[in-house]
């Protein structure tokens, strides 16, 4: 059985999931940052916390589907920058984006379980005095800026391809034909 050549661009499902994940993560950062400014004893924290958790679950599902889609539909061949170190950095960044996104969602789930957030959301209990009392919160707090840095690195790399190398890399992740 012969192997099919790598496609020139990502499939519409992969492109849609990429941009959906981006939008969800952007929303999650905004909600999370604003929510962290609200005291845990303020009942006004419950609604943004519920939204934060729902977005987190959606991100987790989107990333799992993205990984499954990558396994089923091979991605286009990487486009070299002409610099071996930058090419390795790009590969490591892509892997780290998936890993840190999964870890962020999982640490959030573990934190909500450790802190009994479900009861508070359902009106059967209060939020803990401080989420920092939980190990998963320390992990969640470390991953968030690390994930943000990886996203910035990913965007800078894409812009480098688009504006400096002018190699058409971003066409592969474009919505539509």
Protein backbone atom coordinates (compact mmCIF):
# COMPACT_ATOMS: atom_id res chain seq x y z
CA UNK A 1 0.00 0.00 0.00
CA UNK A 2 1.52 3.32 -1.04
CA UNK A 3 1.60 6.25 1.31
CA UNK A 4 -0.26 9.35 0.16
CA UNK A 5 1.72 12.58 -0.13
CA UNK A 6 1.32 15.10 2.67
CA UNK A 7 -1.40 17.66 1.96
CA UNK A 8 -0.46 21.25 1.14
CA UNK A 9 -2.77 22.62 3.84
CA UNK A 10 -4.70 21.52 6.90
CA UNK A 11 -8.18 20.09 6.47
CA UNK A 12 -11.17 22.35 7.25
CA UNK A 13 -11.85 20.42 10.48
CA UNK A 14 -8.28 21.03 11.65
CA UNK A 15 -8.40 24.71 10.70
CA UNK A 16 -11.75 25.20 12.44
CA UNK A 17 -10.53 23.47 15.59
CA UNK A 18 -7.31 25.54 15.58
CA UNK A 19 -9.18 28.87 15.47
CA UNK A 20 -11.89 27.66 17.87
CA UNK A 21 -9.18 26.64 20.35
CA UNK A 22 -7.50 30.02 19.93
CA UNK A 23 -10.76 31.89 20.60
CA UNK A 24 -11.61 29.73 23.60
CA UNK A 25 -8.15 30.16 25.12
CA UNK A 26 -8.28 33.93 24.58
CA UNK A 27 -11.69 34.06 26.29
CA UNK A 28 -10.40 31.83 29.08
CA UNK A 29 -7.44 34.12 29.79
CA UNK A 30 -9.75 37.16 29.98
CA UNK A 31 -12.31 35.43 32.22
CA UNK A 32 -9.61 33.86 34.40
CA UNK A 33 -7.71 37.12 34.87
CA UNK A 34 -10.86 39.07 35.73
CA UNK A 35 -12.19 36.31 37.97
CA UNK A 36 -8.95 36.19 39.97
CA UNK A 37 -9.58 39.79 41.06
CA UNK A 38 -12.84 38.80 42.79
CA UNK A 39 -12.61 37.62 46.39
CA UNK A 40 -13.66 34.02 47.02
CA UNK A 41 -16.18 35.17 49.62
CA UNK A 42 -17.96 37.36 47.05
CA UNK A 43 -21.00 35.55 45.59
CA UNK A 44 -20.30 37.45 42.37
CA UNK A 45 -17.41 35.07 41.73
CA UNK A 46 -19.67 32.05 41.16
CA UNK A 47 -20.90 33.01 37.66
CA UNK A 48 -17.47 33.84 36.19
CA UNK A 49 -16.04 30.72 37.83
CA UNK A 50 -18.75 28.59 36.19
CA UNK A 51 -18.05 30.23 32.81
CA UNK A 52 -14.30 29.68 33.32
CA UNK A 53 -14.87 26.00 34.04
CA UNK A 54 -17.21 25.52 31.05
CA UNK A 55 -14.72 27.16 28.69
CA UNK A 56 -11.96 24.99 30.16
CA UNK A 57 -13.94 21.83 29.42
CA UNK A 58 -14.61 23.04 25.86
CA UNK A 59 -10.88 23.69 25.38
CA UNK A 60 -10.07 20.21 26.66
CA UNK A 61 -12.57 18.63 24.26
CA UNK A 62 -11.33 20.73 21.32
CA UNK A 63 -7.71 19.76 21.97
CA UNK A 64 -8.56 16.08 22.30
CA UNK A 65 -10.43 16.24 18.98
CA UNK A 66 -7.51 18.15 17.42
CA UNK A 67 -5.06 15.45 18.51
CA UNK A 68 -7.36 12.73 17.17
CA UNK A 69 -7.72 14.63 13.87
CA UNK A 70 -3.92 14.97 13.60
CA UNK A 71 -3.58 11.23 14.04
CA UNK A 72 -6.24 10.50 11.41
CA UNK A 73 -5.30 13.21 8.90
CA UNK A 74 -1.59 13.83 8.54
CA UNK A 75 -0.58 17.49 8.64
CA UNK A 76 1.25 19.24 5.82
CA UNK A 77 5.01 18.89 5.82
CA UNK A 78 6.73 21.49 7.98
CA UNK A 79 8.04 24.52 6.10
CA UNK A 80 11.66 25.12 7.00
CA UNK A 81 12.88 28.50 8.15
CA UNK A 82 16.28 27.72 6.70
CA UNK A 83 17.63 27.53 10.24
CA UNK A 84 17.79 24.11 11.90
CA UNK A 85 17.51 25.53 15.43
CA UNK A 86 14.36 27.51 14.55
CA UNK A 87 12.86 24.44 12.88
CA UNK A 88 13.44 22.40 16.06
CA UNK A 89 12.01 25.26 18.16
CA UNK A 90 8.87 25.25 15.99
CA UNK A 91 8.40 21.50 16.46
CA UNK A 92 8.95 21.74 20.22
CA UNK A 93 6.60 24.72 20.49
CA UNK A 94 3.78 22.88 18.73
CA UNK A 95 4.16 19.87 21.03
CA UNK A 96 4.38 22.09 24.11
CA UNK A 97 1.22 23.98 23.08
CA UNK A 98 -0.75 20.73 23.09
CA UNK A 99 0.85 19.50 26.32
CA UNK A 100 0.42 22.74 28.26
CA UNK A 101 -3.15 23.19 27.05
CA UNK A 102 -4.03 19.69 28.26
CA UNK A 103 -2.20 20.23 31.55
CA UNK A 104 -3.97 23.54 32.07
CA UNK A 105 -7.38 21.92 31.66
CA UNK A 106 -6.48 18.91 33.80
CA UNK A 107 -5.02 21.05 36.60
CA UNK A 108 -8.25 23.10 36.55
CA UNK A 109 -10.35 19.96 36.87
CA UNK A 110 -8.18 18.66 39.72
CA UNK A 111 -8.32 22.05 41.46
CA UNK A 112 -12.11 22.17 41.24
CA UNK A 113 -12.32 18.68 42.73
CA UNK A 114 -9.79 19.43 45.49
CA UNK A 115 -11.53 22.69 46.42
CA UNK A 116 -15.10 21.38 46.27
CA UNK A 117 -16.07 23.96 43.67
CA UNK A 118 -18.95 21.82 42.36
CA UNK A 119 -20.85 22.19 45.65
CA UNK A 120 -20.35 25.96 45.63
CA UNK A 121 -21.56 26.22 42.05
CA UNK A 122 -24.68 24.26 42.92
CA UNK A 123 -25.35 26.42 45.98
CA UNK A 124 -24.45 23.72 48.50
CA UNK A 125 -21.27 25.22 49.88
CA UNK A 126 -18.81 28.07 49.85
CA UNK A 127 -15.66 28.53 47.88
CA UNK A 128 -12.46 27.93 49.85
CA UNK A 129 -10.90 31.03 51.41
CA UNK A 130 -7.96 30.79 49.02
CA UNK A 131 -7.42 28.54 46.02
CA UNK A 132 -3.67 28.88 46.59
CA UNK A 133 -4.09 26.42 49.47
CA UNK A 134 -4.36 23.69 46.84
CA UNK A 135 -1.41 22.18 44.97
CA UNK A 136 -3.30 22.10 41.69
CA UNK A 137 -3.72 25.90 41.89
CA UNK A 138 0.07 26.35 41.98
CA UNK A 139 0.34 24.18 38.88
CA UNK A 140 -2.54 26.01 37.19
CA UNK A 141 -0.88 29.33 38.02
CA UNK A 142 2.48 28.21 36.59
CA UNK A 143 0.99 26.78 33.40
CA UNK A 144 -1.09 29.87 32.51
CA UNK A 145 1.82 32.29 31.86
CA UNK A 146 3.86 29.47 30.31
CA UNK A 147 1.02 28.70 27.90
CA UNK A 148 0.67 32.41 27.14
CA UNK A 149 4.41 32.60 26.34
CA UNK A 150 4.10 29.58 24.04
CA UNK A 151 1.18 31.20 22.23
CA UNK A 152 3.21 34.39 21.75
CA UNK A 153 6.13 32.33 20.44
CA UNK A 154 3.77 30.51 18.05
CA UNK A 155 2.32 33.80 16.75
CA UNK A 156 5.80 35.33 16.35
CA UNK A 157 6.89 32.26 14.38
CA UNK A 158 3.84 32.46 12.11
CA UNK A 159 4.43 36.18 11.54
CA UNK A 160 8.12 35.51 10.81
CA UNK A 161 7.07 33.06 8.10
CA UNK A 162 4.45 35.45 6.74
CA UNK A 163 6.28 38.78 6.86
CA UNK A 164 9.99 37.90 6.67
CA UNK A 165 10.21 34.61 4.81
CA UNK A 166 7.01 35.23 2.80
CA UNK A 167 6.66 31.48 2.30
CA UNK A 168 2.86 31.25 2.51
CA UNK A 169 2.85 29.22 5.73
CA UNK A 170 -0.29 30.91 7.07
CA UNK A 171 -2.26 29.92 3.96
CA UNK A 172 -2.27 26.37 5.37
CA UNK A 173 -4.33 27.50 8.40
CA UNK A 174 -6.67 29.82 6.53
CA UNK A 175 -10.43 29.39 6.79
CA UNK A 176 -12.02 28.63 3.42
CA UNK A 177 -10.35 27.75 0.15
